[in-house]
């Protein structure tokens, strides 16, 4: 089964995005939260962890957002 270039590009981008999410949950998150059971978490630390998580997720989904913006610019 052959796909158009746009469809192949989307499938490839989706696969890369899934791999990045799996790497994030399996490696990065486990390293960041290592020993968290013993932490005395204060609000400032919790906010810092949320900021870190948001930053990572923005980096993962950034390329997809840029691709959508480029395709919109081409059609306009």
PDB file of N, CA and C in Angstrom:
ATOM      1  N   UNK A   1       0.842  -1.172   0.000  1.00  0.00           N
ATOM      2  CA  UNK A   1       0.000   0.000   0.000  1.00  0.00           C
ATOM      3  C   UNK A   1       0.890   1.240   0.000  1.00  0.00           C
ATOM      4  N   UNK A   2       0.692   2.115  -0.952  1.00  0.00           N
ATOM      5  CA  UNK A   2       1.485   3.318  -1.074  1.00  0.00           C
ATOM      6  C   UNK A   2       0.684   4.521  -0.585  1.00  0.00           C
ATOM      7  N   UNK A   3       1.371   5.381   0.129  1.00  0.00           N
ATOM      8  CA  UNK A   3       0.731   6.582   0.657  1.00  0.00           C
ATOM      9  C   UNK A   3       1.298   7.803  -0.047  1.00  0.00           C
ATOM     10  N   UNK A   4       0.546   8.870  -0.035  1.00  0.00           N
ATOM     11  CA  UNK A   4       1.057  10.116  -0.589  1.00  0.00           C
ATOM     12  C   UNK A   4       2.168  10.646   0.306  1.00  0.00           C
ATOM     13  N   UNK A   5       2.925  11.581  -0.204  1.00  0.00           N
ATOM     14  CA  UNK A   5       4.034  12.149   0.564  1.00  0.00           C
ATOM     15  C   UNK A   5       3.544  12.772   1.866  1.00  0.00           C
ATOM     16  N   UNK A   6       2.419  13.483   1.821  1.00  0.00           N
ATOM     17  CA  UNK A   6       1.890  14.117   3.022  1.00  0.00           C
ATOM     18  C   UNK A   6       1.494  13.069   4.050  1.00  0.00           C
ATOM     19  N   UNK A   7       0.872  11.981   3.602  1.00  0.00           N
ATOM     20  CA  UNK A   7       0.456  10.927   4.519  1.00  0.00           C
ATOM     21  C   UNK A   7       1.667  10.225   5.117  1.00  0.00           C
ATOM     22  N   UNK A   8       2.692   9.953   4.297  1.00  0.00           N
ATOM     23  CA  UNK A   8       3.915   9.329   4.806  1.00  0.00           C
ATOM     24  C   UNK A   8       4.592  10.233   5.822  1.00  0.00           C
ATOM     25  N   UNK A   9       4.618  11.523   5.525  1.00  0.00           N
ATOM     26  CA  UNK A   9       5.222  12.484   6.444  1.00  0.00           C
ATOM     27  C   UNK A   9       4.482  12.511   7.770  1.00  0.00           C
ATOM     28  N   UNK A  10       3.151  12.477   7.713  1.00  0.00           N
ATOM     29  CA  UNK A  10       2.354  12.477   8.936  1.00  0.00           C
ATOM     30  C   UNK A  10       2.603  11.219   9.753  1.00  0.00           C
ATOM     31  N   UNK A  11       2.645  10.068   9.089  1.00  0.00           N
ATOM     32  CA  UNK A  11       2.880   8.798   9.785  1.00  0.00           C
ATOM     33  C   UNK A  11       4.255   8.812  10.428  1.00  0.00           C
ATOM     34  N   UNK A  12       5.259   9.289   9.698  1.00  0.00           N
ATOM     35  CA  UNK A  12       6.614   9.364  10.229  1.00  0.00           C
ATOM     36  C   UNK A  12       6.666  10.289  11.438  1.00  0.00           C
ATOM     37  N   UNK A  13       6.040  11.452  11.347  1.00  0.00           N
ATOM     38  CA  UNK A  13       6.026  12.419  12.452  1.00  0.00           C
ATOM     39  C   UNK A  13       5.302  11.837  13.655  1.00  0.00           C
ATOM     40  N   UNK A  14       4.203  11.139  13.427  1.00  0.00           N
ATOM     41  CA  UNK A  14       3.436  10.515  14.503  1.00  0.00           C
ATOM     42  C   UNK A  14       4.273   9.452  15.204  1.00  0.00           C
ATOM     43  N   UNK A  15       5.024   8.657  14.436  1.00  0.00           N
ATOM     44  CA  UNK A  15       5.882   7.623  15.004  1.00  0.00           C
ATOM     45  C   UNK A  15       6.980   8.237  15.861  1.00  0.00           C
ATOM     46  N   UNK A  16       7.610   9.283  15.371  1.00  0.00           N
ATOM     47  CA  UNK A  16       8.659   9.958  16.142  1.00  0.00           C
ATOM     48  C   UNK A  16       8.076  10.539  17.422  1.00  0.00           C
ATOM     49  N   UNK A  17       6.915  11.141  17.325  1.00  0.00           N
ATOM     50  CA  UNK A  17       6.272  11.727  18.499  1.00  0.00           C
ATOM     51  C   UNK A  17       5.957  10.651  19.532  1.00  0.00           C
ATOM     52  N   UNK A  18       5.467   9.503  19.098  1.00  0.00           N
ATOM     53  CA  UNK A  18       5.196   8.405  20.030  1.00  0.00           C
ATOM     54  C   UNK A  18       6.468   7.921  20.698  1.00  0.00           C
ATOM     55  N   UNK A  19       7.559   7.834  19.939  1.00  0.00           N
ATOM     56  CA  UNK A  19       8.826   7.413  20.528  1.00  0.00           C
ATOM     57  C   UNK A  19       9.298   8.419  21.576  1.00  0.00           C
ATOM     58  N   UNK A  20       9.159   9.696  21.289  1.00  0.00           N
ATOM     59  CA  UNK A  20       9.572  10.728  22.247  1.00  0.00           C
ATOM     60  C   UNK A  20       8.755  10.639  23.534  1.00  0.00           C
ATOM     61  N   UNK A  21       7.461  10.397  23.403  1.00  0.00           N
ATOM     62  CA  UNK A  21       6.609  10.274  24.588  1.00  0.00           C
ATOM     63  C   UNK A  21       7.005   9.052  25.405  1.00  0.00           C
ATOM     64  N   UNK A  22       7.287   7.944  24.741  1.00  0.00           N
ATOM     65  CA  UNK A  22       7.703   6.729  25.453  1.00  0.00           C
ATOM     66  C   UNK A  22       9.042   6.937  26.152  1.00  0.00           C
ATOM     67  N   UNK A  23       9.974   7.613  25.490  1.00  0.00           N
ATOM     68  CA  UNK A  23      11.264   7.911  26.119  1.00  0.00           C
ATOM     69  C   UNK A  23      11.061   8.815  27.325  1.00  0.00           C
ATOM     70  N   UNK A  24      10.204   9.799  27.187  1.00  0.00           N
ATOM     71  CA  UNK A  24       9.929  10.712  28.296  1.00  0.00           C
ATOM     72  C   UNK A  24       9.376   9.962  29.500  1.00  0.00           C
ATOM     73  N   UNK A  25       8.368   9.119  29.269  1.00  0.00           N
ATOM     74  CA  UNK A  25       7.745   8.439  30.404  1.00  0.00           C
ATOM     75  C   UNK A  25       8.637   7.356  30.985  1.00  0.00           C
ATOM     76  N   UNK A  26       9.409   6.675  30.153  1.00  0.00           N
ATOM     77  CA  UNK A  26      10.215   5.557  30.637  1.00  0.00           C
ATOM     78  C   UNK A  26      11.528   6.000  31.261  1.00  0.00           C
ATOM     79  N   UNK A  27      12.172   7.001  30.699  1.00  0.00           N
ATOM     80  CA  UNK A  27      13.516   7.351  31.156  1.00  0.00           C
ATOM     81  C   UNK A  27      13.534   8.674  31.913  1.00  0.00           C
ATOM     82  N   UNK A  28      13.114   9.729  31.261  1.00  0.00           N
ATOM     83  CA  UNK A  28      13.254  11.062  31.849  1.00  0.00           C
ATOM     84  C   UNK A  28      12.425  11.194  33.116  1.00  0.00           C
ATOM     85  N   UNK A  29      11.162  10.828  33.042  1.00  0.00           N
ATOM     86  CA  UNK A  29      10.289  10.963  34.202  1.00  0.00           C
ATOM     87  C   UNK A  29      10.763  10.101  35.364  1.00  0.00           C
ATOM     88  N   UNK A  30      11.223   8.891  35.074  1.00  0.00           N
ATOM     89  CA  UNK A  30      11.690   8.020  36.156  1.00  0.00           C
ATOM     90  C   UNK A  30      12.956   8.573  36.811  1.00  0.00           C
ATOM     91  N   UNK A  31      13.838   9.186  36.032  1.00  0.00           N
ATOM     92  CA  UNK A  31      15.053   9.778  36.605  1.00  0.00           C
ATOM     93  C   UNK A  31      14.706  11.001  37.450  1.00  0.00           C
ATOM     94  N   UNK A  32      13.807  11.838  36.938  1.00  0.00           N
ATOM     95  CA  UNK A  32      13.430  13.052  37.664  1.00  0.00           C
ATOM     96  C   UNK A  32      12.734  12.703  38.979  1.00  0.00           C
ATOM     97  N   UNK A  33      11.901  11.684  38.964  1.00  0.00           N
ATOM     98  CA  UNK A  33      11.123  11.341  40.155  1.00  0.00           C
ATOM     99  C   UNK A  33      11.780  10.268  41.029  1.00  0.00           C
ATOM    100  N   UNK A  34      13.033   9.913  40.733  1.00  0.00           N
ATOM    101  CA  UNK A  34      13.727   8.900  41.521  1.00  0.00           C
ATOM    102  C   UNK A  34      13.770   9.327  42.988  1.00  0.00           C
ATOM    103  N   UNK A  35      13.312   8.485  43.854  1.00  0.00           N
ATOM    104  CA  UNK A  35      13.329   8.771  45.283  1.00  0.00           C
ATOM    105  C   UNK A  35      12.268   9.749  45.742  1.00  0.00           C
ATOM    106  N   UNK A  36      11.289  10.016  44.897  1.00  0.00           N
ATOM    107  CA  UNK A  36      10.279  11.019  45.246  1.00  0.00           C
ATOM    108  C   UNK A  36       9.414  10.586  46.430  1.00  0.00           C
ATOM    109  N   UNK A  37       9.413   9.284  46.737  1.00  0.00           N
ATOM    110  CA  UNK A  37       8.614   8.831  47.877  1.00  0.00           C
ATOM    111  C   UNK A  37       9.120   9.449  49.181  1.00  0.00           C
ATOM    112  N   UNK A  38      10.392   9.796  49.214  1.00  0.00           N
ATOM    113  CA  UNK A  38      10.980  10.332  50.448  1.00  0.00           C
ATOM    114  C   UNK A  38      11.034  11.851  50.463  1.00  0.00           C
ATOM    115  N   UNK A  39      10.612  12.494  49.384  1.00  0.00           N
ATOM    116  CA  UNK A  39      10.672  13.951  49.340  1.00  0.00           C
ATOM    117  C   UNK A  39       9.589  14.547  50.224  1.00  0.00           C
ATOM    118  N   UNK A  40       9.922  15.633  50.849  1.00  0.00           N
ATOM    119  CA  UNK A  40       8.876  16.435  51.474  1.00  0.00           C
ATOM    120  C   UNK A  40       8.578  17.554  50.476  1.00  0.00           C
ATOM    121  N   UNK A  41       7.529  17.350  49.715  1.00  0.00           N
ATOM    122  CA  UNK A  41       7.230  18.248  48.604  1.00  0.00           C
ATOM    123  C   UNK A  41       6.532  19.496  49.121  1.00  0.00           C
ATOM    124  N   UNK A  42       7.120  20.622  48.776  1.00  0.00           N
ATOM    125  CA  UNK A  42       6.470  21.885  49.072  1.00  0.00           C
ATOM    126  C   UNK A  42       5.910  22.435  47.759  1.00  0.00           C
ATOM    127  N   UNK A  43       5.071  23.409  47.870  1.00  0.00           N
ATOM    128  CA  UNK A  43       4.371  23.938  46.700  1.00  0.00           C
ATOM    129  C   UNK A  43       5.354  24.431  45.640  1.00  0.00           C
ATOM    130  N   UNK A  44       6.443  25.063  46.058  1.00  0.00           N
ATOM    131  CA  UNK A  44       7.415  25.585  45.102  1.00  0.00           C
ATOM    132  C   UNK A  44       8.047  24.440  44.297  1.00  0.00           C
ATOM    133  N   UNK A  45       8.376  23.327  44.961  1.00  0.00           N
ATOM    134  CA  UNK A  45       8.944  22.183  44.258  1.00  0.00           C
ATOM    135  C   UNK A  45       7.931  21.551  43.310  1.00  0.00           C
ATOM    136  N   UNK A  46       6.687  21.479  43.743  1.00  0.00           N
ATOM    137  CA  UNK A  46       5.644  20.912  42.892  1.00  0.00           C
ATOM    138  C   UNK A  46       5.458  21.763  41.645  1.00  0.00           C
ATOM    139  N   UNK A  47       5.481  23.065  41.807  1.00  0.00           N
ATOM    140  CA  UNK A  47       5.355  23.961  40.654  1.00  0.00           C
ATOM    141  C   UNK A  47       6.550  23.797  39.717  1.00  0.00           C
ATOM    142  N   UNK A  48       7.728  23.633  40.272  1.00  0.00           N
ATOM    143  CA  UNK A  48       8.916  23.425  39.458  1.00  0.00           C
ATOM    144  C   UNK A  48       8.832  22.154  38.633  1.00  0.00           C
ATOM    145  N   UNK A  49       8.307  21.088  39.231  1.00  0.00           N
ATOM    146  CA  UNK A  49       8.135  19.843  38.489  1.00  0.00           C
ATOM    147  C   UNK A  49       7.110  19.992  37.375  1.00  0.00           C
ATOM    148  N   UNK A  50       6.055  20.729  37.639  1.00  0.00           N
ATOM    149  CA  UNK A  50       5.042  20.954  36.594  1.00  0.00           C
ATOM    150  C   UNK A  50       5.604  21.788  35.451  1.00  0.00           C
ATOM    151  N   UNK A  51       6.409  22.792  35.786  1.00  0.00           N
ATOM    152  CA  UNK A  51       7.035  23.619  34.752  1.00  0.00           C
ATOM    153  C   UNK A  51       7.955  22.756  33.893  1.00  0.00           C
ATOM    154  N   UNK A  52       8.729  21.878  34.530  1.00  0.00           N
ATOM    155  CA  UNK A  52       9.621  20.983  33.792  1.00  0.00           C
ATOM    156  C   UNK A  52       8.829  20.072  32.865  1.00  0.00           C
ATOM    157  N   UNK A  53       7.756  19.493  33.377  1.00  0.00           N
ATOM    158  CA  UNK A  53       6.938  18.600  32.563  1.00  0.00           C
ATOM    159  C   UNK A  53       6.322  19.343  31.378  1.00  0.00           C
ATOM    160  N   UNK A  54       5.815  20.542  31.610  1.00  0.00           N
ATOM    161  CA  UNK A  54       5.247  21.333  30.525  1.00  0.00           C
ATOM    162  C   UNK A  54       6.299  21.662  29.470  1.00  0.00           C
ATOM    163  N   UNK A  55       7.515  21.981  29.923  1.00  0.00           N
ATOM    164  CA  UNK A  55       8.602  22.306  29.004  1.00  0.00           C
ATOM    165  C   UNK A  55       8.928  21.118  28.114  1.00  0.00           C
ATOM    166  N   UNK A  56       9.023  19.926  28.709  1.00  0.00           N
ATOM    167  CA  UNK A  56       9.328  18.720  27.940  1.00  0.00           C
ATOM    168  C   UNK A  56       8.214  18.438  26.934  1.00  0.00           C
ATOM    169  N   UNK A  57       6.976  18.527  27.365  1.00  0.00           N
ATOM    170  CA  UNK A  57       5.856  18.236  26.464  1.00  0.00           C
ATOM    171  C   UNK A  57       5.765  19.260  25.336  1.00  0.00           C
ATOM    172  N   UNK A  58       6.083  20.522  25.622  1.00  0.00           N
ATOM    173  CA  UNK A  58       6.121  21.525  24.553  1.00  0.00           C
ATOM    174  C   UNK A  58       7.187  21.179  23.527  1.00  0.00           C
ATOM    175  N   UNK A  59       8.327  20.698  23.987  1.00  0.00           N
ATOM    176  CA  UNK A  59       9.403  20.312  23.072  1.00  0.00           C
ATOM    177  C   UNK A  59       8.985  19.117  22.223  1.00  0.00           C
ATOM    178  N   UNK A  60       8.258  18.182  22.805  1.00  0.00           N
ATOM    179  CA  UNK A  60       7.826  17.002  22.053  1.00  0.00           C
ATOM    180  C   UNK A  60       6.815  17.391  20.976  1.00  0.00           C
ATOM    181  N   UNK A  61       5.850  18.219  21.314  1.00  0.00           N
ATOM    182  CA  UNK A  61       4.777  18.560  20.382  1.00  0.00           C
ATOM    183  C   UNK A  61       5.082  19.779  19.529  1.00  0.00           C
ATOM    184  N   UNK A  62       6.228  20.403  19.718  1.00  0.00           N
ATOM    185  CA  UNK A  62       6.583  21.625  18.990  1.00  0.00           C
ATOM    186  C   UNK A  62       6.651  21.394  17.491  1.00  0.00           C
ATOM    187  N   UNK A  63       7.309  20.329  17.058  1.00  0.00           N
ATOM    188  CA  UNK A  63       7.477  20.092  15.632  1.00  0.00           C
ATOM    189  C   UNK A  63       6.134  19.911  14.935  1.00  0.00           C
ATOM    190  N   UNK A  64       5.196  19.263  15.603  1.00  0.00           N
ATOM    191  CA  UNK A  64       3.881  19.070  15.015  1.00  0.00           C
ATOM    192  C   UNK A  64       3.200  20.420  14.826  1.00  0.00           C
ATOM    193  N   UNK A  65       3.317  21.315  15.797  1.00  0.00           N
ATOM    194  CA  UNK A  65       2.700  22.630  15.699  1.00  0.00           C
ATOM    195  C   UNK A  65       3.315  23.422  14.550  1.00  0.00           C
ATOM    196  N   UNK A  66       4.627  23.349  14.399  1.00  0.00           N
ATOM    197  CA  UNK A  66       5.281  24.057  13.307  1.00  0.00           C
ATOM    198  C   UNK A  66       4.840  23.529  11.953  1.00  0.00           C
ATOM    199  N   UNK A  67       4.658  22.214  11.828  1.00  0.00           N
ATOM    200  CA  UNK A  67       4.205  21.635  10.571  1.00  0.00           C
ATOM    201  C   UNK A  67       2.806  22.131  10.223  1.00  0.00           C
ATOM    202  N   UNK A  68       1.927  22.226  11.196  1.00  0.00           N
ATOM    203  CA  UNK A  68       0.577  22.720  10.952  1.00  0.00           C
ATOM    204  C   UNK A  68       0.630  24.170  10.511  1.00  0.00           C
ATOM    205  N   UNK A  69       1.455  24.985  11.161  1.00  0.00           N
ATOM    206  CA  UNK A  69       1.575  26.390  10.780  1.00  0.00           C
ATOM    207  C   UNK A  69       2.097  26.528   9.358  1.00  0.00           C
ATOM    208  N   UNK A  70       3.086  25.717   8.974  1.00  0.00           N
ATOM    209  CA  UNK A  70       3.627  25.786   7.615  1.00  0.00           C
ATOM    210  C   UNK A  70       2.583  25.400   6.580  1.00  0.00           C
ATOM    211  N   UNK A  71       1.793  24.367   6.872  1.00  0.00           N
ATOM    212  CA  UNK A  71       0.782  23.943   5.900  1.00  0.00           C
ATOM    213  C   UNK A  71      -0.314  25.011   5.770  1.00  0.00           C
ATOM    214  N   UNK A  72      -0.635  25.697   6.859  1.00  0.00           N
ATOM    215  CA  UNK A  72      -1.619  26.776   6.780  1.00  0.00           C
ATOM    216  C   UNK A  72      -1.091  27.951   5.970  1.00  0.00           C
ATOM    217  N   UNK A  73       0.217  28.244   6.113  1.00  0.00           N
ATOM    218  CA  UNK A  73       0.804  29.340   5.344  1.00  0.00           C
ATOM    219  C   UNK A  73       0.780  29.026   3.852  1.00  0.00           C
ATOM    220  N   UNK A  74       0.991  27.758   3.483  1.00  0.00           N
ATOM    221  CA  UNK A  74       1.000  27.371   2.074  1.00  0.00           C
ATOM    222  C   UNK A  74      -0.379  27.526   1.455  1.00  0.00           C
ATOM    223  N   UNK A  75      -1.439  27.249   2.209  1.00  0.00           N
ATOM    224  CA  UNK A  75      -2.789  27.314   1.660  1.00  0.00           C
ATOM    225  C   UNK A  75      -3.316  28.743   1.612  1.00  0.00           C
ATOM    226  N   UNK A  76      -2.737  29.620   2.410  1.00  0.00           N
ATOM    227  CA  UNK A  76      -3.237  31.010   2.447  1.00  0.00           C
ATOM    228  C   UNK A  76      -2.706  31.819   1.283  1.00  0.00           C
TER     229      UNK A  76
END
